[in-house]
Amino acid sequence: MSAVVNEFFENLGGRATGAIHRLGFASRFLLLTLRNSGMCLRRFSLVTREIYFTGALSLIIILVSGLFVGMVLGLQGYDTLERYGSSSALGVLVALSLVRELGPVVAGLLFASRAGSAITAEIGLMKATEQLAAMEMMAVDPIGRVIAPRFWAGVISMPLLAAMFSAMGVFGGYLVGVRLIGVDEGSFWSQMQAAVDFREDILNGVIKSLVFGIAVSWIAVFEGYDAPPTAEGVSGATTRTVVTSSLSILALDFMLTAFMFRGA
């Protein structure tokens, strides 16, 4: 019995030590990426090309998802508010739910699933086919040429995608609440404008989406660069990117929300 217990704690300690070591290595990798970002910032076309890949090509899933999330919020919110005679506050419910929480969080999860996994797979395949090693042989820094542009593209794209998600969600709530159900259009927009504060609501949502963008981009480029140069290794790295990014977004959302509400 004691041998089983000892083996359990040894395995637990080994996993904890490995996780701490990997986190430290990832932190050093992030610092190295930031230090070697001068090339991509001087040649910003490298970043804009990756913004198109991570941001523009993610627009369809972001906009469609935002529309349907807003429509669901309109249906569910009206059913709840109608019981208390406050159906005119539907615009406030939809806008605050999207701007504060659902916009950054759901957009972040979609961004991790679509763009984050693609970044990891692309970098992992470049490593597996020795393209990164070839760059080093030609005295081209792969961190500054490959990693940094993708990292900054994700950081820039994520807040913009979250804003578009929230805007499309508000439009979806308007379609259902005003056009379909019949809520007064003036009350829908006027109460929304009066209740949504720029600093407390919109700015906090932008901060959340920026933090999510940094986390997802960091995880994606690190997992791709650290992936074993095999098909199975790249597949595992892509899976870890989606899982780790999703859990990180949810954990960061809780911490940021607690900090923001405490500050308010």
Protein backbone atom coordinates (compact mmCIF):
# COMPACT_ATOMS: atom_id res chain seq x y z
CA MET A 1 0.00 0.00 0.00
CA SER A 2 2.79 2.37 0.94
CA ALA A 3 4.53 1.63 -2.36
CA VAL A 4 1.41 2.65 -4.29
CA VAL A 5 1.13 5.87 -2.30
CA ASN A 6 4.81 6.67 -2.83
CA GLU A 7 4.49 6.03 -6.57
CA PHE A 8 1.42 8.29 -6.73
CA PHE A 9 3.21 11.19 -5.05
CA GLU A 10 6.31 10.64 -7.15
CA ASN A 11 4.24 10.83 -10.33
CA LEU A 12 2.39 13.88 -9.01
CA GLY A 13 5.65 15.61 -8.12
CA GLY A 14 7.15 14.75 -11.49
CA ARG A 15 4.15 16.18 -13.34
CA ALA A 16 4.20 19.35 -11.24
CA THR A 17 7.93 19.81 -11.78
CA GLY A 18 7.52 19.22 -15.52
CA ALA A 19 4.68 21.76 -15.71
CA ILE A 20 6.71 24.40 -13.87
CA HIS A 21 9.73 23.73 -16.10
CA ARG A 22 7.58 24.03 -19.23
CA LEU A 23 6.00 27.26 -17.97
CA GLY A 24 9.44 28.71 -17.34
CA PHE A 25 10.62 27.69 -20.80
CA ALA A 26 7.49 29.25 -22.35
CA SER A 27 8.11 32.48 -20.41
CA ARG A 28 11.68 32.65 -21.68
CA PHE A 29 10.36 32.00 -25.19
CA LEU A 30 7.91 34.92 -24.84
CA LEU A 31 10.70 37.25 -23.71
CA LEU A 32 12.84 36.09 -26.63
CA THR A 33 9.95 36.75 -29.03
CA LEU A 34 9.45 40.27 -27.67
CA ARG A 35 13.19 40.99 -27.84
CA ASN A 36 13.44 39.81 -31.45
CA SER A 37 10.32 41.62 -32.66
CA GLY A 38 12.28 44.49 -34.19
CA MET A 39 12.46 42.86 -37.63
CA CYS A 40 8.71 42.39 -38.00
CA LEU A 41 7.94 45.84 -36.58
CA ARG A 42 10.35 47.46 -39.04
CA ARG A 43 8.94 45.39 -41.90
CA PHE A 44 5.30 45.64 -40.88
CA SER A 45 4.19 43.91 -44.07
CA LEU A 46 5.17 40.65 -42.35
CA VAL A 47 2.61 41.39 -39.64
CA THR A 48 -0.13 42.59 -41.99
CA ARG A 49 0.12 39.38 -44.00
CA GLU A 50 -0.38 37.36 -40.82
CA ILE A 51 -3.22 39.66 -39.70
CA TYR A 52 -5.02 38.68 -42.89
CA PHE A 53 -4.41 35.00 -42.13
CA THR A 54 -5.41 35.11 -38.44
CA GLY A 55 -7.94 37.93 -38.50
CA ALA A 56 -9.57 38.42 -41.89
CA LEU A 57 -9.96 34.69 -42.54
CA SER A 58 -11.62 34.31 -39.12
CA LEU A 59 -14.26 36.95 -39.84
CA ILE A 60 -16.90 34.58 -41.18
CA ILE A 61 -17.05 32.34 -38.13
CA ILE A 62 -16.83 35.35 -35.80
CA LEU A 63 -19.64 37.31 -37.48
CA VAL A 64 -21.97 34.35 -37.93
CA SER A 65 -21.41 33.15 -34.36
CA GLY A 66 -21.93 36.67 -33.00
CA LEU A 67 -25.18 37.03 -34.92
CA PHE A 68 -26.63 33.79 -33.57
CA VAL A 69 -25.42 34.43 -30.02
CA GLY A 70 -27.12 37.83 -30.11
CA MET A 71 -30.32 36.30 -31.46
CA VAL A 72 -30.35 33.69 -28.69
CA LEU A 73 -29.74 36.41 -26.10
CA GLY A 74 -32.67 38.35 -27.55
CA LEU A 75 -35.01 35.37 -27.28
CA GLN A 76 -33.90 34.26 -23.81
CA GLY A 77 -33.64 37.81 -22.48
CA TYR A 78 -37.09 38.81 -23.67
CA ASP A 79 -38.66 35.74 -22.09
CA THR A 80 -37.05 36.56 -18.75
CA LEU A 81 -37.62 40.33 -18.80
CA GLU A 82 -41.23 39.96 -19.90
CA ARG A 83 -42.05 38.18 -16.62
CA TYR A 84 -41.06 41.32 -14.70
CA GLY A 85 -42.52 43.82 -17.14
CA SER A 86 -39.10 45.09 -18.25
CA SER A 87 -39.00 43.98 -21.86
CA SER A 88 -37.91 47.49 -22.92
CA ALA A 89 -34.56 46.82 -21.20
CA LEU A 90 -33.75 44.06 -23.68
CA GLY A 91 -31.13 46.21 -25.40
CA VAL A 92 -29.31 46.75 -22.10
CA LEU A 93 -29.25 43.02 -21.38
CA VAL A 94 -27.95 42.12 -24.83
CA ALA A 95 -25.31 44.85 -24.97
CA LEU A 96 -23.90 44.35 -21.46
CA SER A 97 -23.81 40.57 -21.82
CA LEU A 98 -21.87 40.83 -25.07
CA VAL A 99 -19.54 43.72 -24.29
CA ARG A 100 -18.59 42.56 -20.80
CA GLU A 101 -18.42 38.78 -21.14
CA LEU A 102 -19.67 36.90 -24.17
CA GLY A 103 -17.95 39.03 -26.78
CA PRO A 104 -14.36 38.66 -25.53
CA VAL A 105 -14.77 35.10 -24.20
CA VAL A 106 -16.60 33.45 -27.10
CA ALA A 107 -14.54 35.34 -29.68
CA GLY A 108 -11.40 34.22 -27.84
CA LEU A 109 -12.50 30.59 -27.86
CA LEU A 110 -13.30 30.77 -31.58
CA PHE A 111 -10.00 32.53 -32.27
CA ALA A 112 -8.10 29.81 -30.40
CA SER A 113 -9.92 27.07 -32.27
CA ARG A 114 -9.52 28.55 -35.73
CA ALA A 115 -6.44 30.79 -35.79
CA GLY A 116 -4.47 29.42 -32.83
CA SER A 117 -4.56 25.84 -34.07
CA ALA A 118 -3.62 26.98 -37.59
CA ILE A 119 -0.62 28.95 -36.30
CA THR A 120 0.61 25.98 -34.28
CA ALA A 121 0.20 23.56 -37.17
CA GLU A 122 1.97 25.92 -39.59
CA ILE A 123 4.98 26.50 -37.32
CA GLY A 124 5.09 22.82 -36.37
CA LEU A 125 5.18 21.77 -40.01
CA MET A 126 7.89 24.32 -40.75
CA LYS A 127 9.93 22.76 -37.96
CA ALA A 128 9.19 19.20 -39.11
CA THR A 129 10.29 20.00 -42.67
CA GLU A 130 13.41 21.79 -41.33
CA GLN A 131 12.47 25.17 -42.78
CA LEU A 132 13.33 26.86 -39.46
CA ALA A 133 16.72 25.12 -39.42
CA ALA A 134 17.32 26.27 -43.00
CA MET A 135 16.64 29.87 -41.94
CA GLU A 136 19.23 29.58 -39.19
CA MET A 137 21.73 28.22 -41.72
CA MET A 138 21.10 31.30 -43.88
CA ALA A 139 21.62 33.62 -40.86
CA VAL A 140 17.92 34.50 -40.72
CA ASP A 141 16.47 34.60 -37.23
CA PRO A 142 13.38 32.30 -37.26
CA ILE A 143 12.02 33.95 -34.11
CA GLY A 144 11.97 37.40 -35.69
CA ARG A 145 10.97 36.19 -39.17
CA VAL A 146 8.36 33.53 -38.36
CA ILE A 147 7.32 33.63 -34.70
CA ALA A 148 7.10 37.36 -33.90
CA PRO A 149 4.87 38.34 -36.89
CA ARG A 150 2.36 35.64 -36.00
CA PHE A 151 2.41 36.61 -32.33
CA TRP A 152 1.77 40.31 -32.99
CA ALA A 153 -0.84 39.53 -35.63
CA GLY A 154 -2.81 37.54 -33.05
CA VAL A 155 -2.46 40.29 -30.45
CA ILE A 156 -3.75 42.91 -32.90
CA SER A 157 -6.51 40.76 -34.44
CA MET A 158 -8.14 39.50 -31.26
CA PRO A 159 -9.56 42.83 -29.93
CA LEU A 160 -10.87 43.71 -33.39
CA LEU A 161 -12.57 40.33 -33.77
CA ALA A 162 -14.11 40.60 -30.30
CA ALA A 163 -15.48 44.07 -31.14
CA MET A 164 -17.00 42.76 -34.37
CA PHE A 165 -18.48 39.79 -32.50
CA SER A 166 -20.15 42.12 -29.97
CA ALA A 167 -21.42 44.47 -32.68
CA MET A 168 -22.92 41.62 -34.67
CA GLY A 169 -24.41 40.18 -31.48
CA VAL A 170 -26.15 43.49 -30.73
CA PHE A 171 -27.49 43.49 -34.27
CA GLY A 172 -28.77 39.94 -33.80
CA GLY A 173 -30.51 40.95 -30.58
CA TYR A 174 -32.05 43.90 -32.43
CA LEU A 175 -33.37 41.66 -35.21
CA VAL A 176 -35.04 39.28 -32.77
CA GLY A 177 -36.16 41.80 -30.15
CA VAL A 178 -37.34 44.66 -32.33
CA ARG A 179 -38.08 43.18 -35.75
CA LEU A 180 -39.34 39.75 -34.72
CA ILE A 181 -40.88 40.16 -31.26
CA GLY A 182 -41.88 43.82 -31.45
CA VAL A 183 -39.96 45.58 -28.67
CA ASP A 184 -40.03 49.36 -29.07
CA GLU A 185 -37.05 50.37 -31.17
CA GLY A 186 -36.51 53.70 -29.41
CA SER A 187 -36.45 52.06 -25.98
CA PHE A 188 -34.11 49.35 -27.23
CA TRP A 189 -31.44 51.79 -28.42
CA SER A 190 -31.89 54.64 -25.93
CA GLN A 191 -31.72 52.44 -22.82
CA MET A 192 -28.73 50.64 -24.26
CA GLN A 193 -26.87 53.90 -24.86
CA ALA A 194 -27.72 55.16 -21.37
CA ALA A 195 -26.68 51.97 -19.57
CA VAL A 196 -23.47 51.01 -21.37
CA ASP A 197 -20.52 52.97 -19.98
CA PHE A 198 -17.37 53.39 -22.03
CA ARG A 199 -14.84 52.92 -19.22
CA GLU A 200 -16.65 50.37 -17.07
CA ASP A 201 -18.01 48.20 -19.87
CA ILE A 202 -16.46 48.78 -23.30
CA LEU A 203 -12.90 49.46 -22.12
CA ASN A 204 -12.95 46.48 -19.75
CA GLY A 205 -14.10 44.29 -22.62
CA VAL A 206 -11.27 45.58 -24.82
CA ILE A 207 -8.74 44.86 -22.05
CA LYS A 208 -10.08 41.32 -21.71
CA SER A 209 -9.87 40.66 -25.44
CA LEU A 210 -6.32 42.05 -25.56
CA VAL A 211 -5.21 39.79 -22.71
CA PHE A 212 -6.89 36.81 -24.38
CA GLY A 213 -5.12 37.66 -27.64
CA ILE A 214 -1.73 37.73 -25.93
CA ALA A 215 -2.39 34.43 -24.16
CA VAL A 216 -3.68 32.57 -27.23
CA SER A 217 -0.95 33.89 -29.53
CA TRP A 218 1.75 33.05 -26.99
CA ILE A 219 0.48 29.51 -26.51
CA ALA A 220 0.03 28.96 -30.26
CA VAL A 221 3.52 30.05 -31.31
CA PHE A 222 5.19 28.28 -28.38
CA GLU A 223 3.43 24.96 -28.97
CA GLY A 224 4.28 25.13 -32.66
CA TYR A 225 7.93 25.94 -32.04
CA ASP A 226 8.23 23.27 -29.32
CA ALA A 227 6.37 20.55 -31.26
CA PRO A 228 8.29 17.34 -31.97
CA PRO A 229 9.16 17.20 -35.71
CA THR A 230 6.76 14.38 -36.50
CA ALA A 231 3.17 14.15 -37.73
CA GLU A 232 2.08 12.90 -34.32
CA GLY A 233 4.02 15.67 -32.58
CA VAL A 234 2.41 18.42 -34.67
CA SER A 235 -1.03 16.89 -34.10
CA GLY A 236 -0.48 16.77 -30.34
CA ALA A 237 0.80 20.36 -30.28
CA THR A 238 -2.29 21.56 -32.16
CA THR A 239 -4.56 19.79 -29.70
CA ARG A 240 -2.65 21.25 -26.73
CA THR A 241 -2.99 24.72 -28.20
CA VAL A 242 -6.78 24.54 -28.37
CA VAL A 243 -7.19 22.93 -24.94
CA THR A 244 -4.67 25.12 -23.12
CA SER A 245 -5.89 28.31 -24.79
CA SER A 246 -9.52 27.57 -23.93
CA LEU A 247 -8.74 26.86 -20.28
CA SER A 248 -6.49 29.92 -20.09
CA ILE A 249 -9.23 32.16 -21.49
CA LEU A 250 -11.76 30.94 -18.93
CA ALA A 251 -9.30 31.26 -16.03
CA LEU A 252 -8.14 34.71 -17.13
CA ASP A 253 -11.75 35.81 -17.59
CA PHE A 254 -12.51 34.95 -13.96
CA MET A 255 -9.43 36.75 -12.65
CA LEU A 256 -9.97 39.84 -14.80
CA THR A 257 -13.66 40.01 -13.92
CA ALA A 258 -12.91 39.75 -10.19
CA PHE A 259 -10.27 42.47 -10.49
CA MET A 260 -12.49 44.78 -12.54
CA PHE A 261 -15.51 44.43 -10.26
CA ARG A 262 -13.32 44.98 -7.21
CA GLY A 263 -11.85 48.07 -8.81
CA ALA A 264 -15.36 49.34 -9.54
